[in-house]
Amino acid sequence: MSGNAKPGAGSAGHRNIQIADFKPHEKNTLKAFFTARLPSGLILHDLMLHQKGDARWISYPAREYTDTQGNKQYARFIEFASREAADRFRDTVLEALDQYLSHL
């Protein structure tokens, strides 16, 4: 690879995401709240780390509302164009979070 070549998507992306404001919060699968600053400058507050067994995932802030049947629902603020894009983002954020936690 030449010195000017850029790494492919998905390689070491966690180094470009900065994690901050990590706050443990144990409730069912919820383990913590945190902030992620993306290389673009976008800052995502109140991301939630969940874990059940070996499975870990990130959930995003949402607005709670009650539907016409009286059921609690959540309106998304953030959505990905594809499942693959969502999975890549999740994996990259989890890598950045692991790096952050390893230095605490």
N, C-alpha and C. Protein backbone atom coordinates (compact mmCIF):
# COMPACT_ATOMS: atom_id res chain seq x y z
N MET A 1 0.85 -1.16 0.00
CA MET A 1 0.00 0.00 0.00
C MET A 1 0.89 1.23 0.00
N SER A 2 0.58 2.22 -0.83
CA SER A 2 1.41 3.41 -0.89
C SER A 2 1.23 4.25 0.36
N GLY A 3 2.16 5.13 0.62
CA GLY A 3 2.10 5.98 1.81
C GLY A 3 0.90 6.93 1.81
N ASN A 4 0.34 7.21 0.61
CA ASN A 4 -0.80 8.11 0.52
C ASN A 4 -2.14 7.39 0.55
N ALA A 5 -2.10 6.07 0.51
CA ALA A 5 -3.35 5.32 0.49
C ALA A 5 -4.05 5.42 1.83
N LYS A 6 -5.37 5.46 1.77
CA LYS A 6 -6.16 5.54 3.00
C LYS A 6 -6.68 4.15 3.33
N PRO A 7 -6.80 3.82 4.62
CA PRO A 7 -7.32 2.51 4.99
C PRO A 7 -8.77 2.38 4.55
N GLY A 8 -9.17 1.15 4.31
CA GLY A 8 -10.54 0.88 3.90
C GLY A 8 -11.52 1.14 5.03
N ALA A 9 -12.78 1.26 4.67
CA ALA A 9 -13.83 1.49 5.67
C ALA A 9 -13.81 0.36 6.69
N GLY A 10 -14.01 0.72 7.92
CA GLY A 10 -14.09 -0.29 8.97
C GLY A 10 -12.76 -0.64 9.60
N SER A 11 -11.66 -0.10 9.10
CA SER A 11 -10.39 -0.42 9.74
C SER A 11 -10.00 0.68 10.70
N ALA A 12 -9.97 0.34 11.98
CA ALA A 12 -9.53 1.23 13.04
C ALA A 12 -10.39 2.48 13.18
N GLY A 13 -11.64 2.41 12.76
CA GLY A 13 -12.54 3.55 12.87
C GLY A 13 -12.75 4.00 14.29
N HIS A 14 -12.61 3.07 15.25
CA HIS A 14 -12.81 3.42 16.65
C HIS A 14 -11.83 4.46 17.13
N ARG A 15 -10.68 4.57 16.46
CA ARG A 15 -9.69 5.57 16.87
C ARG A 15 -10.18 6.97 16.56
N ASN A 16 -11.15 7.09 15.68
CA ASN A 16 -11.66 8.39 15.29
C ASN A 16 -12.90 8.79 16.07
N ILE A 17 -13.49 7.89 16.82
CA ILE A 17 -14.65 8.20 17.64
C ILE A 17 -14.18 8.40 19.07
N GLN A 18 -14.56 9.52 19.64
CA GLN A 18 -14.17 9.82 21.02
C GLN A 18 -15.37 9.57 21.94
N ILE A 19 -15.14 8.84 22.99
CA ILE A 19 -16.17 8.54 23.99
C ILE A 19 -15.98 9.46 25.19
N ALA A 20 -17.09 9.95 25.73
CA ALA A 20 -17.03 10.83 26.90
C ALA A 20 -18.28 10.63 27.74
N ASP A 21 -18.27 11.21 28.91
CA ASP A 21 -19.43 11.23 29.80
C ASP A 21 -20.03 9.85 30.05
N PHE A 22 -19.17 8.86 30.25
CA PHE A 22 -19.63 7.50 30.51
C PHE A 22 -20.22 7.43 31.92
N LYS A 23 -21.49 7.04 32.00
CA LYS A 23 -22.17 6.96 33.30
C LYS A 23 -22.81 5.59 33.46
N PRO A 24 -22.26 4.74 34.31
CA PRO A 24 -22.89 3.44 34.54
C PRO A 24 -24.33 3.60 35.03
N HIS A 25 -25.20 2.72 34.55
CA HIS A 25 -26.61 2.77 34.94
C HIS A 25 -27.19 1.37 34.73
N GLU A 26 -27.27 0.60 35.78
CA GLU A 26 -27.73 -0.79 35.70
C GLU A 26 -29.24 -0.88 35.83
N LYS A 27 -29.91 -1.29 34.77
CA LYS A 27 -31.35 -1.54 34.80
C LYS A 27 -31.68 -2.49 33.67
N ASN A 28 -32.03 -3.71 34.03
CA ASN A 28 -32.29 -4.76 33.04
C ASN A 28 -31.07 -4.90 32.13
N THR A 29 -31.22 -4.73 30.82
CA THR A 29 -30.07 -4.86 29.92
C THR A 29 -29.24 -3.59 29.83
N LEU A 30 -29.78 -2.47 30.28
CA LEU A 30 -29.06 -1.19 30.23
C LEU A 30 -27.88 -1.20 31.19
N LYS A 31 -26.71 -0.85 30.68
CA LYS A 31 -25.49 -0.85 31.50
C LYS A 31 -24.91 0.54 31.70
N ALA A 32 -25.12 1.46 30.74
CA ALA A 32 -24.52 2.79 30.87
C ALA A 32 -25.08 3.74 29.82
N PHE A 33 -24.90 5.03 30.11
CA PHE A 33 -25.13 6.10 29.14
C PHE A 33 -23.77 6.68 28.79
N PHE A 34 -23.64 7.21 27.56
CA PHE A 34 -22.38 7.83 27.17
C PHE A 34 -22.58 8.74 25.97
N THR A 35 -21.54 9.52 25.67
CA THR A 35 -21.53 10.43 24.52
C THR A 35 -20.47 9.94 23.55
N ALA A 36 -20.76 10.06 22.25
CA ALA A 36 -19.78 9.72 21.21
C ALA A 36 -19.62 10.92 20.28
N ARG A 37 -18.36 11.32 20.08
CA ARG A 37 -18.05 12.40 19.15
C ARG A 37 -17.46 11.76 17.90
N LEU A 38 -18.12 11.96 16.76
CA LEU A 38 -17.71 11.35 15.50
C LEU A 38 -16.68 12.22 14.80
N PRO A 39 -15.89 11.63 13.89
CA PRO A 39 -14.87 12.40 13.17
C PRO A 39 -15.46 13.59 12.41
N SER A 40 -16.72 13.52 12.03
CA SER A 40 -17.37 14.62 11.31
C SER A 40 -17.62 15.82 12.20
N GLY A 41 -17.52 15.63 13.53
CA GLY A 41 -17.83 16.69 14.47
C GLY A 41 -19.20 16.51 15.11
N LEU A 42 -19.99 15.58 14.59
CA LEU A 42 -21.29 15.28 15.16
C LEU A 42 -21.11 14.66 16.54
N ILE A 43 -21.86 15.15 17.51
CA ILE A 43 -21.80 14.62 18.88
C ILE A 43 -23.14 14.00 19.21
N LEU A 44 -23.11 12.73 19.60
CA LEU A 44 -24.32 12.00 19.97
C LEU A 44 -24.34 11.82 21.48
N HIS A 45 -25.28 12.48 22.14
CA HIS A 45 -25.42 12.40 23.59
C HIS A 45 -26.42 11.31 23.96
N ASP A 46 -26.29 10.81 25.17
CA ASP A 46 -27.23 9.85 25.75
C ASP A 46 -27.39 8.57 24.95
N LEU A 47 -26.29 8.11 24.34
CA LEU A 47 -26.30 6.77 23.77
C LEU A 47 -26.35 5.80 24.94
N MET A 48 -26.92 4.64 24.71
CA MET A 48 -27.08 3.66 25.78
C MET A 48 -26.40 2.35 25.42
N LEU A 49 -25.60 1.86 26.34
CA LEU A 49 -24.95 0.56 26.19
C LEU A 49 -25.84 -0.48 26.85
N HIS A 50 -26.17 -1.52 26.10
CA HIS A 50 -26.96 -2.64 26.61
C HIS A 50 -26.14 -3.91 26.51
N GLN A 51 -26.43 -4.85 27.41
CA GLN A 51 -25.78 -6.16 27.35
C GLN A 51 -26.71 -7.21 27.94
N LYS A 52 -26.77 -8.33 27.24
CA LYS A 52 -27.49 -9.51 27.73
C LYS A 52 -26.65 -10.71 27.35
N GLY A 53 -26.10 -11.38 28.35
CA GLY A 53 -25.17 -12.47 28.07
C GLY A 53 -23.96 -11.92 27.35
N ASP A 54 -23.59 -12.52 26.24
CA ASP A 54 -22.45 -12.05 25.45
C ASP A 54 -22.84 -11.00 24.43
N ALA A 55 -24.13 -10.76 24.23
CA ALA A 55 -24.59 -9.79 23.24
C ALA A 55 -24.55 -8.38 23.81
N ARG A 56 -23.93 -7.46 23.05
CA ARG A 56 -23.90 -6.05 23.42
C ARG A 56 -24.43 -5.24 22.25
N TRP A 57 -25.13 -4.15 22.57
CA TRP A 57 -25.63 -3.28 21.51
C TRP A 57 -25.76 -1.87 22.06
N ILE A 58 -25.96 -0.96 21.12
CA ILE A 58 -26.11 0.46 21.43
C ILE A 58 -27.54 0.85 21.07
N SER A 59 -28.17 1.60 21.94
CA SER A 59 -29.46 2.19 21.55
C SER A 59 -29.29 3.70 21.59
N TYR A 60 -30.18 4.37 20.86
CA TYR A 60 -30.06 5.79 20.62
C TYR A 60 -31.20 6.54 21.29
N PRO A 61 -31.00 7.82 21.58
CA PRO A 61 -32.07 8.59 22.19
C PRO A 61 -33.33 8.56 21.31
N ALA A 62 -34.47 8.56 21.96
CA ALA A 62 -35.75 8.55 21.24
C ALA A 62 -36.78 9.31 22.07
N ARG A 63 -37.82 9.76 21.42
CA ARG A 63 -38.89 10.46 22.11
C ARG A 63 -40.01 9.47 22.42
N GLU A 64 -40.38 9.41 23.67
CA GLU A 64 -41.46 8.51 24.10
C GLU A 64 -42.81 9.16 23.83
N TYR A 65 -43.77 8.35 23.37
CA TYR A 65 -45.13 8.83 23.18
C TYR A 65 -46.09 7.67 23.39
N THR A 66 -47.37 7.98 23.52
CA THR A 66 -48.40 6.97 23.70
C THR A 66 -49.23 6.91 22.42
N ASP A 67 -49.37 5.71 21.85
CA ASP A 67 -50.13 5.57 20.61
C ASP A 67 -51.64 5.61 20.91
N THR A 68 -52.44 5.51 19.86
CA THR A 68 -53.90 5.64 20.01
C THR A 68 -54.51 4.51 20.84
N GLN A 69 -53.79 3.39 20.98
CA GLN A 69 -54.28 2.28 21.81
C GLN A 69 -53.78 2.38 23.26
N GLY A 70 -53.04 3.45 23.57
CA GLY A 70 -52.53 3.63 24.92
C GLY A 70 -51.21 2.93 25.20
N ASN A 71 -50.56 2.43 24.15
CA ASN A 71 -49.28 1.73 24.31
C ASN A 71 -48.10 2.70 24.22
N LYS A 72 -47.10 2.47 25.07
CA LYS A 72 -45.88 3.27 25.03
C LYS A 72 -45.10 2.94 23.76
N GLN A 73 -44.70 3.96 23.01
CA GLN A 73 -43.92 3.81 21.79
C GLN A 73 -42.75 4.80 21.84
N TYR A 74 -41.81 4.63 20.92
CA TYR A 74 -40.66 5.52 20.85
C TYR A 74 -40.44 5.97 19.41
N ALA A 75 -40.33 7.28 19.21
CA ALA A 75 -40.03 7.85 17.90
C ALA A 75 -38.52 8.02 17.80
N ARG A 76 -37.93 7.47 16.74
CA ARG A 76 -36.47 7.52 16.56
C ARG A 76 -36.03 8.91 16.11
N PHE A 77 -34.88 9.33 16.62
CA PHE A 77 -34.23 10.54 16.14
C PHE A 77 -33.16 10.18 15.11
N ILE A 78 -32.61 8.98 15.23
CA ILE A 78 -31.50 8.54 14.39
C ILE A 78 -31.93 7.25 13.70
N GLU A 79 -31.66 7.19 12.39
CA GLU A 79 -31.99 5.99 11.63
C GLU A 79 -30.89 5.77 10.59
N PHE A 80 -30.59 4.53 10.31
CA PHE A 80 -29.59 4.18 9.31
C PHE A 80 -30.27 3.73 8.03
N ALA A 81 -29.61 3.95 6.91
CA ALA A 81 -30.16 3.61 5.61
C ALA A 81 -30.27 2.10 5.41
N SER A 82 -29.45 1.34 6.12
CA SER A 82 -29.49 -0.12 5.96
C SER A 82 -29.08 -0.79 7.27
N ARG A 83 -29.44 -2.05 7.39
CA ARG A 83 -29.04 -2.84 8.56
C ARG A 83 -27.52 -2.96 8.61
N GLU A 84 -26.89 -3.09 7.44
CA GLU A 84 -25.43 -3.22 7.38
C GLU A 84 -24.75 -1.96 7.90
N ALA A 85 -25.27 -0.79 7.53
CA ALA A 85 -24.70 0.47 8.01
C ALA A 85 -24.87 0.59 9.52
N ALA A 86 -26.03 0.21 10.03
CA ALA A 86 -26.29 0.25 11.47
C ALA A 86 -25.34 -0.69 12.21
N ASP A 87 -25.14 -1.89 11.67
CA ASP A 87 -24.24 -2.86 12.30
C ASP A 87 -22.80 -2.37 12.31
N ARG A 88 -22.35 -1.77 11.20
CA ARG A 88 -20.98 -1.23 11.13
C ARG A 88 -20.80 -0.13 12.16
N PHE A 89 -21.79 0.77 12.26
CA PHE A 89 -21.69 1.86 13.23
C PHE A 89 -21.67 1.31 14.65
N ARG A 90 -22.56 0.38 14.94
CA ARG A 90 -22.59 -0.23 16.28
C ARG A 90 -21.23 -0.84 16.62
N ASP A 91 -20.68 -1.62 15.71
CA ASP A 91 -19.40 -2.29 15.97
C ASP A 91 -18.28 -1.28 16.18
N THR A 92 -18.28 -0.20 15.41
CA THR A 92 -17.24 0.82 15.54
C THR A 92 -17.37 1.55 16.87
N VAL A 93 -18.59 1.87 17.27
CA VAL A 93 -18.80 2.54 18.56
C VAL A 93 -18.41 1.61 19.71
N LEU A 94 -18.77 0.33 19.61
CA LEU A 94 -18.41 -0.61 20.67
C LEU A 94 -16.89 -0.75 20.77
N GLU A 95 -16.18 -0.74 19.64
CA GLU A 95 -14.71 -0.78 19.69
C GLU A 95 -14.17 0.46 20.38
N ALA A 96 -14.70 1.63 20.05
CA ALA A 96 -14.25 2.88 20.68
C ALA A 96 -14.56 2.84 22.18
N LEU A 97 -15.71 2.32 22.53
CA LEU A 97 -16.09 2.22 23.94
C LEU A 97 -15.16 1.27 24.69
N ASP A 98 -14.82 0.15 24.08
CA ASP A 98 -13.87 -0.78 24.71
C ASP A 98 -12.51 -0.12 24.93
N GLN A 99 -12.05 0.66 23.93
CA GLN A 99 -10.78 1.38 24.08
C GLN A 99 -10.87 2.37 25.23
N TYR A 100 -11.95 3.12 25.29
CA TYR A 100 -12.16 4.10 26.35
C TYR A 100 -12.16 3.43 27.72
N LEU A 101 -12.91 2.35 27.86
CA LEU A 101 -13.01 1.67 29.16
C LEU A 101 -11.70 1.01 29.58
N SER A 102 -10.88 0.62 28.62
CA SER A 102 -9.60 -0.02 28.96
C SER A 102 -8.62 0.97 29.59
N HIS A 103 -8.89 2.26 29.46
CA HIS A 103 -8.01 3.29 30.02
C HIS A 103 -8.54 3.90 31.31
N LEU A 104 -9.64 3.38 31.81
CA LEU A 104 -10.20 3.91 33.08
C LEU A 104 -9.50 3.30 34.27
